[in-house]
C-alpha atoms as a PDB file:
ATOM      1  CA  MET A   1     100.036  96.002  93.016  1.00  0.00           C
ATOM      2  CA  HIS A   2     101.446  96.073  89.498  1.00  0.00           C
ATOM      3  CA  ARG A   3     100.486  92.434  88.870  1.00  0.00           C
ATOM      4  CA  GLU A   4      96.895  93.149  89.831  1.00  0.00           C
ATOM      5  CA  ILE A   5      96.739  96.142  87.499  1.00  0.00           C
ATOM      6  CA  ARG A   6      98.311  94.116  84.695  1.00  0.00           C
ATOM      7  CA  ARG A   7      95.731  91.371  85.168  1.00  0.00           C
ATOM      8  CA  LEU A   8      92.967  93.993  85.115  1.00  0.00           C
ATOM      9  CA  ILE A   9      94.260  95.361  81.807  1.00  0.00           C
ATOM     10  CA  ASP A  10      94.641  91.900  80.280  1.00  0.00           C
ATOM     11  CA  SER A  11      91.110  90.944  81.363  1.00  0.00           C
ATOM     12  CA  GLN A  12      89.684  93.588  78.991  1.00  0.00           C
ATOM     13  CA  GLY A  13      90.446  91.358  75.996  1.00  0.00           C
ATOM     14  CA  PRO A  14      86.847  90.178  75.344  1.00  0.00           C
ATOM     15  CA  TRP A  15      85.776  93.680  74.332  1.00  0.00           C
ATOM     16  CA  ALA A  16      89.140  95.342  73.572  1.00  0.00           C
ATOM     17  CA  GLN A  17      90.265  92.781  70.990  1.00  0.00           C
ATOM     18  CA  PRO A  18      87.299  93.128  68.587  1.00  0.00           C
ATOM     19  CA  VAL A  19      87.182  96.895  69.113  1.00  0.00           C
ATOM     20  CA  GLY A  20      90.899  97.137  68.376  1.00  0.00           C
ATOM     21  CA  ASP A  21      90.625  94.966  65.264  1.00  0.00           C
ATOM     22  CA  TYR A  22      87.770  97.064  63.870  1.00  0.00           C
ATOM     23  CA  ALA A  23      89.383 100.403  64.728  1.00  0.00           C
ATOM     24  CA  GLN A  24      92.670  99.295  63.212  1.00  0.00           C
ATOM     25  CA  LYS A  25      91.009  98.459  59.889  1.00  0.00           C
ATOM     26  CA  VAL A  26      89.172 101.782  59.765  1.00  0.00           C
ATOM     27  CA  ILE A  27      92.251 103.808  60.706  1.00  0.00           C
ATOM     28  CA  ALA A  28      94.498 101.920  58.285  1.00  0.00           C
ATOM     29  CA  SER A  29      92.020 102.535  55.486  1.00  0.00           C
ATOM     30  CA  ALA A  30      91.923 106.255  56.300  1.00  0.00           C
ATOM     31  CA  PHE A  31      95.718 106.595  56.376  1.00  0.00           C
ATOM     32  CA  ALA A  32      96.037 104.674  53.093  1.00  0.00           C
ATOM     33  CA  ARG A  33      94.437 107.677  51.379  1.00  0.00           C
ATOM     34  CA  THR A  34      96.597 110.355  53.006  1.00  0.00           C
ATOM     35  CA  GLY A  35      99.999 109.767  51.384  1.00  0.00           C
ATOM     36  CA  PRO A  36     102.894 110.691  53.690  1.00  0.00           C
ATOM     37  CA  ALA A  37     100.641 111.788  56.576  1.00  0.00           C
ATOM     38  CA  LYS A  38     101.145 108.537  58.479  1.00  0.00           C
ATOM     39  CA  ASP A  39     104.952 108.805  58.321  1.00  0.00           C
ATOM     40  CA  ILE A  40     104.693 112.356  59.634  1.00  0.00           C
ATOM     41  CA  LEU A  41     102.472 111.256  62.521  1.00  0.00           C
ATOM     42  CA  ASN A  42     104.695 108.258  63.322  1.00  0.00           C
ATOM     43  CA  GLY A  43     107.665 110.621  63.629  1.00  0.00           C
ATOM     44  CA  THR A  44     109.796 109.170  60.811  1.00  0.00           C
ATOM     45  CA  TRP A  45     110.976 112.696  59.938  1.00  0.00           C
ATOM     46  CA  LEU A  46     111.800 113.394  63.606  1.00  0.00           C
ATOM     47  CA  GLY A  47     113.896 110.297  64.302  1.00  0.00           C
ATOM     48  CA  HIS A  48     111.740 109.741  67.392  1.00  0.00           C
ATOM     49  CA  PRO A  49     108.085 108.719  67.894  1.00  0.00           C
ATOM     50  CA  LEU A  50     105.891 111.829  67.682  1.00  0.00           C
ATOM     51  CA  HIS A  51     103.145 110.600  70.032  1.00  0.00           C
ATOM     52  CA  PRO A  52     105.063 110.904  73.340  1.00  0.00           C
ATOM     53  CA  VAL A  53     106.222 114.387  72.331  1.00  0.00           C
ATOM     54  CA  LEU A  54     102.620 115.545  71.939  1.00  0.00           C
ATOM     55  CA  THR A  55     101.255 113.853  75.063  1.00  0.00           C
ATOM     56  CA  ASP A  56     103.275 116.187  77.292  1.00  0.00           C
ATOM     57  CA  VAL A  57     101.015 119.058  76.181  1.00  0.00           C
ATOM     58  CA  PRO A  58      97.674 117.805  77.601  1.00  0.00           C
ATOM     59  CA  VAL A  59      99.263 116.340  80.738  1.00  0.00           C
ATOM     60  CA  GLY A  60     100.941 119.662  81.539  1.00  0.00           C
ATOM     61  CA  ALA A  61      97.937 121.778  80.552  1.00  0.00           C
ATOM     62  CA  PHE A  62      95.420 119.726  82.540  1.00  0.00           C
ATOM     63  CA  THR A  63      97.666 119.703  85.613  1.00  0.00           C
ATOM     64  CA  THR A  64      97.919 123.477  85.338  1.00  0.00           C
ATOM     65  CA  ALA A  65      94.126 123.718  84.973  1.00  0.00           C
ATOM     66  CA  VAL A  66      93.575 121.801  88.221  1.00  0.00           C
ATOM     67  CA  LEU A  67      95.864 124.178  90.107  1.00  0.00           C
ATOM     68  CA  LEU A  68      94.273 127.267  88.543  1.00  0.00           C
ATOM     69  CA  ASP A  69      90.774 126.020  89.414  1.00  0.00           C
ATOM     70  CA  VAL A  70      91.873 125.604  93.011  1.00  0.00           C
ATOM     71  CA  ALA A  71      93.291 129.142  92.959  1.00  0.00           C
ATOM     72  CA  GLY A  72      90.077 130.515  91.479  1.00  0.00           C
ATOM     73  CA  GLU A  73      91.720 131.805  88.282  1.00  0.00           C
ATOM     74  CA  ARG A  74      88.813 131.105  85.976  1.00  0.00           C
ATOM     75  CA  ARG A  75      89.981 132.516  82.630  1.00  0.00           C
ATOM     76  CA  ALA A  76      93.450 131.038  82.958  1.00  0.00           C
ATOM     77  CA  ALA A  77      92.031 127.657  83.978  1.00  0.00           C
ATOM     78  CA  ASP A  78      89.660 127.676  81.002  1.00  0.00           C
ATOM     79  CA  LEU A  79      92.546 128.490  78.648  1.00  0.00           C
ATOM     80  CA  ALA A  80      94.586 125.649  80.143  1.00  0.00           C
ATOM     81  CA  VAL A  81      91.710 123.209  79.597  1.00  0.00           C
ATOM     82  CA  ALA A  82      91.284 124.369  75.981  1.00  0.00           C
ATOM     83  CA  THR A  83      95.030 123.930  75.403  1.00  0.00           C
ATOM     84  CA  GLY A  84      94.900 120.446  76.907  1.00  0.00           C
ATOM     85  CA  VAL A  85      91.952 119.452  74.723  1.00  0.00           C
ATOM     86  CA  ALA A  86      93.785 120.606  71.576  1.00  0.00           C
ATOM     87  CA  GLY A  87      96.902 118.717  72.645  1.00  0.00           C
ATOM     88  CA  MET A  88      94.863 115.618  73.418  1.00  0.00           C
ATOM     89  CA  VAL A  89      93.290 115.624  69.948  1.00  0.00           C
ATOM     90  CA  ALA A  90      96.734 115.914  68.342  1.00  0.00           C
ATOM     91  CA  SER A  91      98.017 113.124  70.590  1.00  0.00           C
ATOM     92  CA  ALA A  92      95.084 110.916  69.630  1.00  0.00           C
ATOM     93  CA  VAL A  93      95.759 111.319  65.910  1.00  0.00           C
ATOM     94  CA  SER A  94      99.460 110.487  66.279  1.00  0.00           C
ATOM     95  CA  GLY A  95      98.616 107.577  68.588  1.00  0.00           C
ATOM     96  CA  ALA A  96      96.225 106.212  65.979  1.00  0.00           C
ATOM     97  CA  ALA A  97      99.056 106.214  63.436  1.00  0.00           C
ATOM     98  CA  ASP A  98     101.162 104.081  65.787  1.00  0.00           C
ATOM     99  CA  ALA A  99      98.249 101.794  66.666  1.00  0.00           C
ATOM    100  CA  VAL A 100      97.797 100.719  63.041  1.00  0.00           C
ATOM    101  CA  ASP A 101     100.981  98.646  63.366  1.00  0.00           C
ATOM    102  CA  THR A 102     100.294  96.975  66.725  1.00  0.00           C
ATOM    103  CA  PHE A 103      99.223  93.371  67.153  1.00  0.00           C
ATOM    104  CA  GLY A 104      98.673  90.841  69.942  1.00  0.00           C
ATOM    105  CA  ASP A 105      99.105  92.149  73.486  1.00  0.00           C
ATOM    106  CA  GLU A 106     100.347  95.494  72.161  1.00  0.00           C
ATOM    107  CA  GLN A 107      97.098  96.025  70.267  1.00  0.00           C
ATOM    108  CA  LEU A 108      94.935  94.963  73.215  1.00  0.00           C
ATOM    109  CA  HIS A 109      96.735  97.266  75.635  1.00  0.00           C
ATOM    110  CA  ALA A 110      96.791 100.119  73.112  1.00  0.00           C
ATOM    111  CA  THR A 111      93.016  99.757  72.686  1.00  0.00           C
ATOM    112  CA  VAL A 112      92.467  99.984  76.444  1.00  0.00           C
ATOM    113  CA  HIS A 113      94.776 103.013  76.557  1.00  0.00           C
ATOM    114  CA  ALA A 114      92.937 104.727  73.696  1.00  0.00           C
ATOM    115  CA  THR A 115      89.491 103.987  75.161  1.00  0.00           C
ATOM    116  CA  VAL A 116      90.398 105.482  78.526  1.00  0.00           C
ATOM    117  CA  MET A 117      91.927 108.546  76.867  1.00  0.00           C
ATOM    118  CA  VAL A 118      88.943 109.129  74.565  1.00  0.00           C
ATOM    119  CA  SER A 119      86.624 108.892  77.574  1.00  0.00           C
ATOM    120  CA  SER A 120      88.788 111.465  79.353  1.00  0.00           C
ATOM    121  CA  LEU A 121      88.663 113.711  76.317  1.00  0.00           C
ATOM    122  CA  ALA A 122      84.851 113.508  76.336  1.00  0.00           C
ATOM    123  CA  ALA A 123      84.812 114.574  79.994  1.00  0.00           C
ATOM    124  CA  TYR A 124      87.100 117.513  79.256  1.00  0.00           C
ATOM    125  CA  LEU A 125      85.054 118.585  76.222  1.00  0.00           C
ATOM    126  CA  ALA A 126      81.936 118.632  78.399  1.00  0.00           C
ATOM    127  CA  SER A 127      83.858 120.565  81.062  1.00  0.00           C
ATOM    128  CA  LEU A 128      85.072 123.103  78.513  1.00  0.00           C
ATOM    129  CA  TRP A 129      81.569 123.562  77.080  1.00  0.00           C
ATOM    130  CA  LEU A 130      80.126 124.248  80.534  1.00  0.00           C
ATOM    131  CA  ARG A 131      82.976 126.636  81.361  1.00  0.00           C
ATOM    132  CA  LEU A 132      82.346 128.691  78.233  1.00  0.00           C
ATOM    133  CA  THR A 133      78.537 128.594  78.063  1.00  0.00           C
ATOM    134  CA  ARG A 134      77.189 127.876  81.558  1.00  0.00           C
ATOM    135  CA  PRO A 135      78.997 129.990  84.178  1.00  0.00           C
ATOM    136  CA  ALA A 136      76.557 128.889  86.869  1.00  0.00           C
ATOM    137  CA  ALA A 137      77.502 125.240  86.272  1.00  0.00           C
ATOM    138  CA  ARG A 138      81.175 125.843  86.990  1.00  0.00           C
ATOM    139  CA  PRO A 139      81.298 123.397  89.949  1.00  0.00           C
ATOM    140  CA  LEU A 140      80.094 120.634  87.602  1.00  0.00           C
ATOM    141  CA  ALA A 141      82.619 121.736  84.974  1.00  0.00           C
ATOM    142  CA  ILE A 142      85.430 121.495  87.523  1.00  0.00           C
ATOM    143  CA  LEU A 143      84.185 118.078  88.653  1.00  0.00           C
ATOM    144  CA  LEU A 144      84.153 116.824  85.059  1.00  0.00           C
ATOM    145  CA  GLY A 145      87.686 118.160  84.684  1.00  0.00           C
ATOM    146  CA  LEU A 146      88.820 116.181  87.719  1.00  0.00           C
ATOM    147  CA  VAL A 147      87.176 113.048  86.316  1.00  0.00           C
ATOM    148  CA  GLY A 148      88.969 113.653  83.032  1.00  0.00           C
ATOM    149  CA  TYR A 149      92.256 114.219  84.850  1.00  0.00           C
ATOM    150  CA  ALA A 150      91.914 110.898  86.689  1.00  0.00           C
ATOM    151  CA  GLY A 151      91.258 109.240  83.337  1.00  0.00           C
ATOM    152  CA  VAL A 152      94.325 110.860  81.779  1.00  0.00           C
ATOM    153  CA  ALA A 153      96.472 109.555  84.642  1.00  0.00           C
ATOM    154  CA  ALA A 154      95.055 106.033  84.263  1.00  0.00           C
ATOM    155  CA  GLY A 155      95.422 106.141  80.486  1.00  0.00           C
ATOM    156  CA  ALA A 156      99.007 107.323  80.804  1.00  0.00           C
ATOM    157  CA  TYR A 157      99.741 104.342  83.046  1.00  0.00           C
ATOM    158  CA  VAL A 158      98.385 101.932  80.426  1.00  0.00           C
ATOM    159  CA  GLY A 159     100.307 103.799  77.735  1.00  0.00           C
ATOM    160  CA  GLY A 160     103.449 103.254  79.758  1.00  0.00           C
ATOM    161  CA  GLU A 161     102.708  99.518  79.766  1.00  0.00           C
ATOM    162  CA  VAL A 162     102.466  99.569  75.960  1.00  0.00           C
ATOM    163  CA  VAL A 163     105.906 101.157  75.676  1.00  0.00           C
ATOM    164  CA  PHE A 164     107.917  99.909  78.643  1.00  0.00           C
ATOM    165  CA  ARG A 165     106.440  96.401  78.988  1.00  0.00           C
ATOM    166  CA  ASP A 166     105.357  95.589  75.438  1.00  0.00           C
ATOM    167  CA  GLY A 167     108.194  97.493  73.748  1.00  0.00           C
ATOM    168  CA  ASN A 168     105.994  99.290  71.207  1.00  0.00           C
ATOM    169  CA  MET A 169     107.906 101.924  69.156  1.00  0.00           C
ATOM    170  CA  VAL A 170     111.144 101.055  70.987  1.00  0.00           C
ATOM    171  CA  ASP A 171     114.349 100.821  68.927  1.00  0.00           C
ATOM    172  CA  ARG A 172     115.097  97.098  68.541  1.00  0.00           C
ATOM    173  CA  HIS A 173     118.819  97.875  68.475  1.00  0.00           C
ATOM    174  CA  ALA A 174     118.983  99.933  71.670  1.00  0.00           C
ATOM    175  CA  TRP A 175     120.827  97.209  73.605  1.00  0.00           C
ATOM    176  CA  ARG A 176     122.924  95.816  70.779  1.00  0.00           C
ATOM    177  CA  SER A 177     126.700  95.866  71.247  1.00  0.00           C
ATOM    178  CA  ALA A 178     128.318  98.893  69.632  1.00  0.00           C
ATOM    179  CA  GLY A 179     131.624  97.109  68.904  1.00  0.00           C
ATOM    180  CA  THR A 180     133.289  97.981  65.585  1.00  0.00           C
ATOM    181  CA  ALA A 181     135.653  95.029  65.187  1.00  0.00           C
ATOM    182  CA  TRP A 182     135.739  93.186  61.876  1.00  0.00           C
ATOM    183  CA  LYS A 183     133.716  89.958  61.983  1.00  0.00           C
ATOM    184  CA  PRO A 184     133.767  87.186  59.377  1.00  0.00           C
ATOM    185  CA  LEU A 185     130.571  86.603  57.416  1.00  0.00           C
ATOM    186  CA  ASP A 186     129.203  83.137  56.814  1.00  0.00           C
ATOM    187  CA  VAL A 187     128.816  83.824  53.071  1.00  0.00           C
ATOM    188  CA  SER A 188     131.455  84.467  50.431  1.00  0.00           C
ATOM    189  CA  ASP A 189     129.244  85.006  47.390  1.00  0.00           C
ATOM    190  CA  VAL A 190     126.728  87.877  47.147  1.00  0.00           C
ATOM    191  CA  PRO A 191     124.685  87.895  43.915  1.00  0.00           C
ATOM    192  CA  GLU A 192     124.400  91.224  42.096  1.00  0.00           C
ATOM    193  CA  GLY A 193     121.230  93.204  42.884  1.00  0.00           C
ATOM    194  CA  ARG A 194     119.663  90.645  45.205  1.00  0.00           C
ATOM    195  CA  LEU A 195     119.125  90.690  48.965  1.00  0.00           C
ATOM    196  CA  THR A 196     121.382  88.190  50.724  1.00  0.00           C
ATOM    197  CA  LYS A 197     121.194  87.111  54.353  1.00  0.00           C
ATOM    198  CA  ALA A 198     124.460  86.722  56.272  1.00  0.00           C
ATOM    199  CA  ALA A 199     125.605  86.180  59.845  1.00  0.00           C
ATOM    200  CA  ALA A 200     128.402  88.238  61.438  1.00  0.00           C
ATOM    201  CA  GLY A 201     128.919  86.488  64.741  1.00  0.00           C
ATOM    202  CA  LYS A 202     125.613  86.797  66.603  1.00  0.00           C
ATOM    203  CA  GLU A 203     124.327  89.549  64.315  1.00  0.00           C
ATOM    204  CA  THR A 204     122.199  88.860  61.229  1.00  0.00           C
ATOM    205  CA  LEU A 205     122.756  91.187  58.274  1.00  0.00           C
ATOM    206  CA  VAL A 206     121.135  91.731  54.923  1.00  0.00           C
ATOM    207  CA  LEU A 207     123.561  92.433  52.054  1.00  0.00           C
ATOM    208  CA  LEU A 208     123.222  93.993  48.622  1.00  0.00           C
ATOM    209  CA  ARG A 209     125.992  93.998  46.037  1.00  0.00           C
ATOM    210  CA  THR A 210     126.125  96.759  43.439  1.00  0.00           C
ATOM    211  CA  GLY A 211     129.142  96.293  41.188  1.00  0.00           C
ATOM    212  CA  ASP A 212     132.150  95.815  43.445  1.00  0.00           C
ATOM    213  CA  THR A 213     130.462  97.439  46.449  1.00  0.00           C
ATOM    214  CA  ILE A 214     128.571  95.434  49.050  1.00  0.00           C
ATOM    215  CA  HIS A 215     126.182  97.324  51.303  1.00  0.00           C
ATOM    216  CA  ALA A 216     124.999  95.797  54.568  1.00  0.00           C
ATOM    217  CA  ILE A 217     122.543  96.729  57.304  1.00  0.00           C
ATOM    218  CA  HIS A 218     121.205  94.830  60.294  1.00  0.00           C
ATOM    219  CA  ALA A 219     118.470  92.416  59.254  1.00  0.00           C
ATOM    220  CA  THR A 220     116.238  93.038  62.290  1.00  0.00           C
ATOM    221  CA  CYS A 221     113.883  95.949  61.627  1.00  0.00           C
ATOM    222  CA  ALA A 222     114.299  98.697  64.231  1.00  0.00           C
ATOM    223  CA  HIS A 223     110.530  99.220  64.405  1.00  0.00           C
ATOM    224  CA  ALA A 224     109.191  95.846  65.518  1.00  0.00           C
ATOM    225  CA  GLY A 225     111.871  93.273  64.773  1.00  0.00           C
ATOM    226  CA  GLY A 226     110.727  92.228  61.305  1.00  0.00           C
ATOM    227  CA  PRO A 227     113.133  90.177  59.109  1.00  0.00           C
ATOM    228  CA  LEU A 228     114.492  92.580  56.507  1.00  0.00           C
ATOM    229  CA  ASP A 229     116.259  89.739  54.707  1.00  0.00           C
ATOM    230  CA  ARG A 230     112.767  88.573  53.696  1.00  0.00           C
ATOM    231  CA  GLY A 231     111.788  92.025  52.517  1.00  0.00           C
ATOM    232  CA  THR A 232     111.549  93.451  49.013  1.00  0.00           C
ATOM    233  CA  LEU A 233     114.162  95.492  47.185  1.00  0.00           C
ATOM    234  CA  GLU A 234     113.392  98.690  45.297  1.00  0.00           C
ATOM    235  CA  ASP A 235     115.679 101.568  44.294  1.00  0.00           C
ATOM    236  CA  GLY A 236     118.414 100.540  46.706  1.00  0.00           C
ATOM    237  CA  CYS A 237     115.984 100.310  49.648  1.00  0.00           C
ATOM    238  CA  VAL A 238     114.589  97.304  51.483  1.00  0.00           C
ATOM    239  CA  THR A 239     110.963  97.222  52.613  1.00  0.00           C
ATOM    240  CA  CYS A 240     110.163  95.319  55.807  1.00  0.00           C
ATOM    241  CA  PRO A 241     107.660  92.499  55.194  1.00  0.00           C
ATOM    242  CA  TRP A 242     105.863  93.131  58.498  1.00  0.00           C
ATOM    243  CA  HIS A 243     104.822  96.797  58.529  1.00  0.00           C
ATOM    244  CA  GLY A 244     106.333  98.282  55.388  1.00  0.00           C
ATOM    245  CA  SER A 245     109.157 100.367  56.867  1.00  0.00           C
ATOM    246  CA  GLN A 246     111.805 101.232  54.267  1.00  0.00           C
ATOM    247  CA  PHE A 247     115.550 101.556  54.806  1.00  0.00           C
ATOM    248  CA  ARG A 248     118.353 102.616  52.451  1.00  0.00           C
ATOM    249  CA  LEU A 249     120.874  99.789  52.197  1.00  0.00           C
ATOM    250  CA  ALA A 250     123.773 102.164  51.528  1.00  0.00           C
ATOM    251  CA  ASP A 251     123.623 103.711  55.011  1.00  0.00           C
ATOM    252  CA  GLY A 252     120.664 102.239  56.913  1.00  0.00           C
ATOM    253  CA  HIS A 253     118.715 105.509  56.812  1.00  0.00           C
ATOM    254  CA  VAL A 254     114.960 105.146  57.314  1.00  0.00           C
ATOM    255  CA  VAL A 255     113.106 106.564  54.301  1.00  0.00           C
ATOM    256  CA  GLY A 256     109.596 105.329  55.096  1.00  0.00           C
ATOM    257  CA  GLY A 257     107.713 104.565  58.299  1.00  0.00           C
ATOM    258  CA  PRO A 258     106.316 103.429  60.606  1.00  0.00           C
ATOM    259  CA  ALA A 259     109.960 103.022  61.699  1.00  0.00           C
ATOM    260  CA  VAL A 260     111.520 106.149  63.178  1.00  0.00           C
ATOM    261  CA  TYR A 261     115.033 104.827  63.852  1.00  0.00           C
ATOM    262  CA  ASP A 262     117.791 104.121  61.314  1.00  0.00           C
ATOM    263  CA  GLN A 263     119.198 100.632  60.846  1.00  0.00           C
ATOM    264  CA  PRO A 264     122.768  99.878  61.971  1.00  0.00           C
ATOM    265  CA  ALA A 265     124.927  99.952  58.829  1.00  0.00           C
ATOM    266  CA  TYR A 266     128.045  97.889  58.166  1.00  0.00           C
ATOM    267  CA  GLU A 267     131.135  98.113  55.977  1.00  0.00           C
ATOM    268  CA  VAL A 268     131.940  94.917  54.083  1.00  0.00           C
ATOM    269  CA  ARG A 269     135.305  93.905  52.617  1.00  0.00           C
ATOM    270  CA  ARG A 270     136.848  90.823  51.100  1.00  0.00           C
ATOM    271  CA  THR A 271     139.647  89.090  53.005  1.00  0.00           C
ATOM    272  CA  GLU A 272     142.914  87.861  51.541  1.00  0.00           C
ATOM    273  CA  ALA A 273     141.593  84.322  51.836  1.00  0.00           C
ATOM    274  CA  GLY A 274     138.620  85.214  49.618  1.00  0.00           C
ATOM    275  CA  GLY A 275     135.963  85.402  52.316  1.00  0.00           C
ATOM    276  CA  LEU A 276     133.934  88.396  53.483  1.00  0.00           C
ATOM    277  CA  GLU A 277     133.953  90.293  56.770  1.00  0.00           C
ATOM    278  CA  ALA A 278     131.945  93.211  58.111  1.00  0.00           C
ATOM    279  CA  ARG A 279     132.148  95.849  60.808  1.00  0.00           C
ATOM    280  CA  LEU A 280     129.672  98.366  62.204  1.00  0.00           C
ATOM    281  CA  ILE A 281     130.046 101.895  60.841  1.00  0.00           C
ATOM    282  CA  SER A 282     126.850 103.576  62.108  1.00  0.00           C
ATOM    283  CA  GLY A 283     124.078 102.875  64.557  1.00  0.00           C
END
């Protein structure tokens, strides 16, 4: 069953790809003029993606509305639909902020997800309008609500594919070993004030020396796996070359999105033999 659904989603590429490309350009241009708004909508301040937090509101409200319609509680059902619509709009805005940084299959699937959800929102807006202005058309309003609810369920399924199958907005270090043993680095010289790539066993780090202190964080960006060792350095922070996330090299703290998770940070020391070794201190 799942394979058939996956093939159905993937088959939407001929229309979803160009639509996604165009929408991404428009949305990116809009966010470029809003300062920190995109970071807020990504959830950088929260330490967790904001979009899934907001999506619980319309799902819960619309489910409640279905039950209240069945029970004949008109005013309460109408309020639940209005709450769901408001939550869906907020979810759409935060989802758009995440979608700006998706590419390939992630972008295609995110476009299908967004299209289904926007269609559901249109059905619910029509339902809400009829509920508030055309009491005699309540059966049609309820029917439109059920259509919208089916769309929300389908869109949520596709959204789950984007996260759980494509790995969008998932911490790239979630399954990394949390061991804190000292590991030798494959470099012994770290130039002052310049990003330096180093390997500590199987882990790749990016180092920065300031005076006698060497800071180190994991070189794989937590957001989408970008190579931080190829990033740019500014004010003690490294900017990912893929999507522009910024991390403080002193402690791995994320200071600019779209990343929402901190980078694993490492302590570095010089050995008696003159080499360098590192161990995990956070993350």
